[in-house]
Protein backbone atom coordinates (compact mmCIF):
# COMPACT_ATOMS: atom_id res chain seq x y z
CA UNK A 1 -45.19 27.15 -101.99
CA UNK A 2 -46.62 24.47 -103.66
CA UNK A 3 -48.44 22.28 -101.15
CA UNK A 4 -50.04 18.83 -101.37
CA UNK A 5 -52.65 17.61 -98.98
CA UNK A 6 -53.12 13.85 -98.50
CA UNK A 7 -56.62 13.68 -96.85
CA UNK A 8 -59.97 15.55 -96.82
CA UNK A 9 -60.93 15.59 -93.07
CA UNK A 10 -61.07 18.45 -90.68
CA UNK A 11 -57.42 19.07 -90.23
CA UNK A 12 -56.74 19.03 -93.83
CA UNK A 13 -59.48 21.53 -94.44
CA UNK A 14 -58.45 23.79 -91.69
CA UNK A 15 -54.76 23.97 -92.70
CA UNK A 16 -55.66 24.00 -96.38
CA UNK A 17 -57.75 27.03 -95.62
CA UNK A 18 -55.11 28.88 -93.73
CA UNK A 19 -52.53 28.05 -96.33
CA UNK A 20 -54.44 29.08 -99.39
CA UNK A 21 -55.14 32.67 -97.42
CA UNK A 22 -51.41 32.85 -96.99
CA UNK A 23 -51.16 32.65 -100.67
CA UNK A 24 -49.91 28.88 -101.04
CA UNK A 25 -50.67 26.77 -104.14
CA UNK A 26 -52.67 24.03 -102.58
CA UNK A 27 -53.82 20.60 -104.19
CA UNK A 28 -55.80 18.14 -102.33
CA UNK A 29 -56.23 14.37 -102.67
CA UNK A 30 -57.97 11.74 -100.80
CA UNK A 31 -59.84 8.23 -100.77
CA UNK A 32 -62.75 9.67 -102.26
CA UNK A 33 -62.30 11.97 -105.61
CA UNK A 34 -65.67 13.39 -104.99
CA UNK A 35 -64.52 14.54 -101.35
CA UNK A 36 -61.38 15.99 -102.75
CA UNK A 37 -63.19 18.14 -105.33
CA UNK A 38 -65.73 19.33 -102.59
CA UNK A 39 -62.89 20.33 -100.34
CA UNK A 40 -60.93 22.20 -103.08
CA UNK A 41 -64.05 24.01 -104.03
CA UNK A 42 -64.46 25.11 -100.41
CA UNK A 43 -60.78 26.15 -100.32
CA UNK A 44 -61.04 28.37 -103.58
CA UNK A 45 -58.00 30.51 -104.30
CA UNK A 46 -57.11 28.00 -107.02
CA UNK A 47 -57.10 24.91 -104.81
CA UNK A 48 -57.29 21.79 -107.11
CA UNK A 49 -58.45 18.22 -106.34
CA UNK A 50 -55.68 15.66 -107.95
CA UNK A 51 -54.84 12.00 -107.28
CA UNK A 52 -52.52 11.01 -104.33
CA UNK A 53 -49.70 10.68 -106.44
CA UNK A 54 -50.02 14.06 -108.08
CA UNK A 55 -50.39 15.54 -104.75
CA UNK A 56 -47.09 14.11 -103.80
CA UNK A 57 -44.98 15.00 -107.07
CA UNK A 58 -43.61 18.46 -107.68
CA UNK A 59 -44.62 19.84 -104.25
CA UNK A 60 -42.47 21.98 -101.83
CA UNK A 61 -44.27 20.18 -98.94
CA UNK A 62 -46.82 17.43 -98.24
CA UNK A 63 -49.24 17.11 -95.36
CA UNK A 64 -50.31 13.55 -94.56
CA UNK A 65 -53.66 14.45 -92.80
CA UNK A 66 -55.35 11.06 -92.56
CA UNK A 67 -56.22 8.93 -89.41
CA UNK A 68 -53.24 6.76 -88.42
CA UNK A 69 -55.07 3.69 -89.57
CA UNK A 70 -55.12 5.03 -93.01
CA UNK A 71 -51.54 6.19 -93.41
CA UNK A 72 -50.26 2.98 -95.10
CA UNK A 73 -52.83 3.02 -97.63
CA UNK A 74 -52.68 6.73 -98.34
CA UNK A 75 -48.78 6.46 -98.93
CA UNK A 76 -49.10 3.65 -101.13
CA UNK A 77 -51.80 5.51 -103.12
CA UNK A 78 -49.26 8.41 -103.37
CA UNK A 79 -46.44 6.23 -104.67
CA UNK A 80 -44.39 6.87 -101.55
CA UNK A 81 -42.66 3.17 -101.58
CA UNK A 82 -41.50 3.85 -105.07
CA UNK A 83 -39.81 7.29 -104.09
CA UNK A 84 -42.44 9.93 -105.01
CA UNK A 85 -41.76 11.87 -101.77
CA UNK A 86 -38.07 11.55 -102.11
CA UNK A 87 -36.30 14.60 -100.54
CA UNK A 88 -39.80 16.42 -99.76
CA UNK A 89 -40.93 17.67 -96.48
CA UNK A 90 -43.66 15.25 -95.14
CA UNK A 91 -45.67 16.62 -92.50
CA UNK A 92 -47.02 13.99 -89.95
CA UNK A 93 -49.73 15.28 -87.71
CA UNK A 94 -51.11 11.83 -86.93
CA UNK A 95 -51.82 10.27 -83.41
CA UNK A 96 -51.66 6.54 -83.18
CA UNK A 97 -53.69 6.45 -79.83
CA UNK A 98 -56.63 4.59 -78.47
CA UNK A 99 -59.61 6.66 -79.10
CA UNK A 100 -60.67 8.20 -75.64
CA UNK A 101 -57.71 6.78 -73.78
CA UNK A 102 -54.63 8.08 -75.48
CA UNK A 103 -52.60 5.13 -75.10
CA UNK A 104 -50.08 4.81 -78.12
CA UNK A 105 -50.51 1.90 -80.56
CA UNK A 106 -47.01 1.96 -81.89
CA UNK A 107 -44.53 -0.48 -80.70
CA UNK A 108 -42.35 -0.13 -77.57
CA UNK A 109 -39.86 2.76 -78.24
CA UNK A 110 -41.24 3.45 -81.82
CA UNK A 111 -43.03 6.29 -82.96
CA UNK A 112 -45.64 6.97 -85.71
CA UNK A 113 -43.54 9.61 -87.48
CA UNK A 114 -40.64 6.88 -87.70
CA UNK A 115 -42.94 4.45 -88.99
CA UNK A 116 -44.13 6.95 -91.73
CA UNK A 117 -40.46 7.59 -92.61
CA UNK A 118 -39.96 3.63 -93.03
CA UNK A 119 -43.01 3.65 -95.57
CA UNK A 120 -41.91 6.83 -97.46
CA UNK A 121 -38.20 6.04 -98.20
CA UNK A 122 -36.34 9.40 -98.71
CA UNK A 123 -39.13 11.61 -97.43
CA UNK A 124 -38.09 14.16 -94.83
CA UNK A 125 -40.56 13.54 -92.37
CA UNK A 126 -41.47 16.37 -89.85
CA UNK A 127 -43.58 15.81 -86.76
CA UNK A 128 -46.22 18.77 -86.44
CA UNK A 129 -49.63 20.14 -86.03
CA UNK A 130 -50.61 16.91 -83.82
CA UNK A 131 -51.69 18.67 -80.53
CA UNK A 132 -54.58 21.19 -81.50
CA UNK A 133 -57.81 20.11 -82.69
CA UNK A 134 -58.49 20.83 -86.25
CA UNK A 135 -61.36 23.36 -85.52
CA UNK A 136 -58.94 25.65 -83.39
CA UNK A 137 -56.60 26.31 -86.48
CA UNK A 138 -59.29 28.81 -88.28
CA UNK A 139 -59.48 30.95 -84.90
CA UNK A 140 -55.43 30.55 -84.53
CA UNK A 141 -54.85 31.86 -87.91
CA UNK A 142 -57.16 34.66 -87.48
CA UNK A 143 -55.63 35.97 -84.29
CA UNK A 144 -53.65 39.35 -84.73
CA UNK A 145 -50.69 38.02 -82.55
CA UNK A 146 -49.37 34.24 -82.41
CA UNK A 147 -50.74 32.62 -79.29
CA UNK A 148 -49.82 28.94 -79.98
CA UNK A 149 -46.68 27.29 -79.98
CA UNK A 150 -46.21 24.13 -82.24
CA UNK A 151 -43.52 21.80 -81.24
CA UNK A 152 -42.09 19.81 -84.00
CA UNK A 153 -39.07 17.48 -84.97
CA UNK A 154 -37.45 16.28 -87.82
CA UNK A 155 -33.91 14.97 -89.10
CA UNK A 156 -33.43 17.20 -92.19
CA UNK A 157 -32.94 21.06 -91.41
CA UNK A 158 -34.16 22.16 -94.73
CA UNK A 159 -37.45 20.35 -94.20
CA UNK A 160 -37.87 21.74 -90.54
CA UNK A 161 -37.24 25.37 -91.94
CA UNK A 162 -40.16 24.79 -94.60
CA UNK A 163 -42.37 23.37 -92.06
CA UNK A 164 -41.59 26.18 -89.50
CA UNK A 165 -42.55 28.75 -92.13
CA UNK A 166 -45.93 26.83 -92.82
CA UNK A 167 -46.49 27.06 -89.11
CA UNK A 168 -45.92 30.67 -89.06
CA UNK A 169 -48.36 31.02 -91.97
CA UNK A 170 -50.96 29.28 -89.83
CA UNK A 171 -50.73 31.83 -87.08
CA UNK A 172 -48.59 29.91 -84.65
CA UNK A 173 -44.88 29.79 -83.57
CA UNK A 174 -42.58 26.64 -84.35
CA UNK A 175 -40.51 25.30 -81.43
CA UNK A 176 -37.96 22.73 -82.96
CA UNK A 177 -37.55 20.03 -80.26
CA UNK A 178 -35.00 18.08 -82.03
CA UNK A 179 -34.67 15.20 -84.54
CA UNK A 180 -37.17 12.64 -85.56
CA UNK A 181 -36.20 10.38 -82.65
CA UNK A 182 -38.07 12.85 -80.41
CA UNK A 183 -41.24 12.09 -82.09
CA UNK A 184 -42.23 9.26 -79.51
CA UNK A 185 -42.22 12.01 -76.88
CA UNK A 186 -44.29 14.45 -79.00
CA UNK A 187 -46.81 11.63 -79.54
CA UNK A 188 -46.96 10.77 -75.98
CA UNK A 189 -47.72 14.25 -75.10
CA UNK A 190 -50.68 13.92 -77.54
CA UNK A 191 -51.78 10.75 -75.61
CA UNK A 192 -51.69 12.52 -72.29
CA UNK A 193 -53.73 15.49 -73.67
CA UNK A 194 -56.25 13.26 -75.43
CA UNK A 195 -56.56 10.89 -72.17
CA UNK A 196 -57.14 14.08 -69.83
CA UNK A 197 -59.56 15.64 -72.13
CA UNK A 198 -61.67 12.37 -72.45
CA UNK A 199 -61.81 11.95 -68.58
CA UNK A 200 -63.09 15.49 -68.35
CA UNK A 201 -60.00 17.00 -67.04
CA UNK A 202 -58.43 20.17 -68.34
CA UNK A 203 -54.88 19.11 -69.49
CA UNK A 204 -53.74 22.59 -68.83
CA UNK A 205 -54.32 22.40 -65.27
CA UNK A 206 -51.93 19.57 -65.05
CA UNK A 207 -49.02 21.36 -66.49
CA UNK A 208 -47.10 23.65 -64.33
CA UNK A 209 -46.34 27.17 -65.61
CA UNK A 210 -42.50 27.27 -65.85
CA UNK A 211 -40.78 30.70 -65.93
CA UNK A 212 -38.48 30.78 -69.04
CA UNK A 213 -35.15 32.51 -69.26
CA UNK A 214 -33.99 34.59 -72.17
CA UNK A 215 -30.47 34.70 -70.80
């Protein structure tokens, strides 16, 4: 696939690395052209640094890997309000939470993913990759067998299918929760995990192991 990455942080680098290793064509854009070039050089495998608008146009999927406070500026730089992301899968891994507390900063009943959909008219937003720390993706992708499940949601079945494949290429298993109106629930889970972790409590110890049925 032709993948555009908006952002040059740790998650952008980690997923960019896994996707280039999987044989995808990756381009990188950020607020700093120098950082984008540096990241593209690190990724190798033909990865290129481009402008945000170039990262949006002509791609099979776009990853919006910036902090939640920088989402609007990056989408504007990419031309999203003018339709540059129309009909494209736009992957949202952002967590709009208070640092170290985990309380969501979006309005009551709203989600960051739905806000992104409003900022990028026509884009097929898919919530994904927002739970695991960026540094874990290198080890996840290197594992012989998938050991991580990535819950996702989105309104467009084609976009969900494409993002599910990219999740598999990163060494994980996709789990489709539903349409984008479930994004708030996924983001609340991230807030819970972040709050517990910063309080020095293992979030895994607070989640019961439930026996699943294959019937």
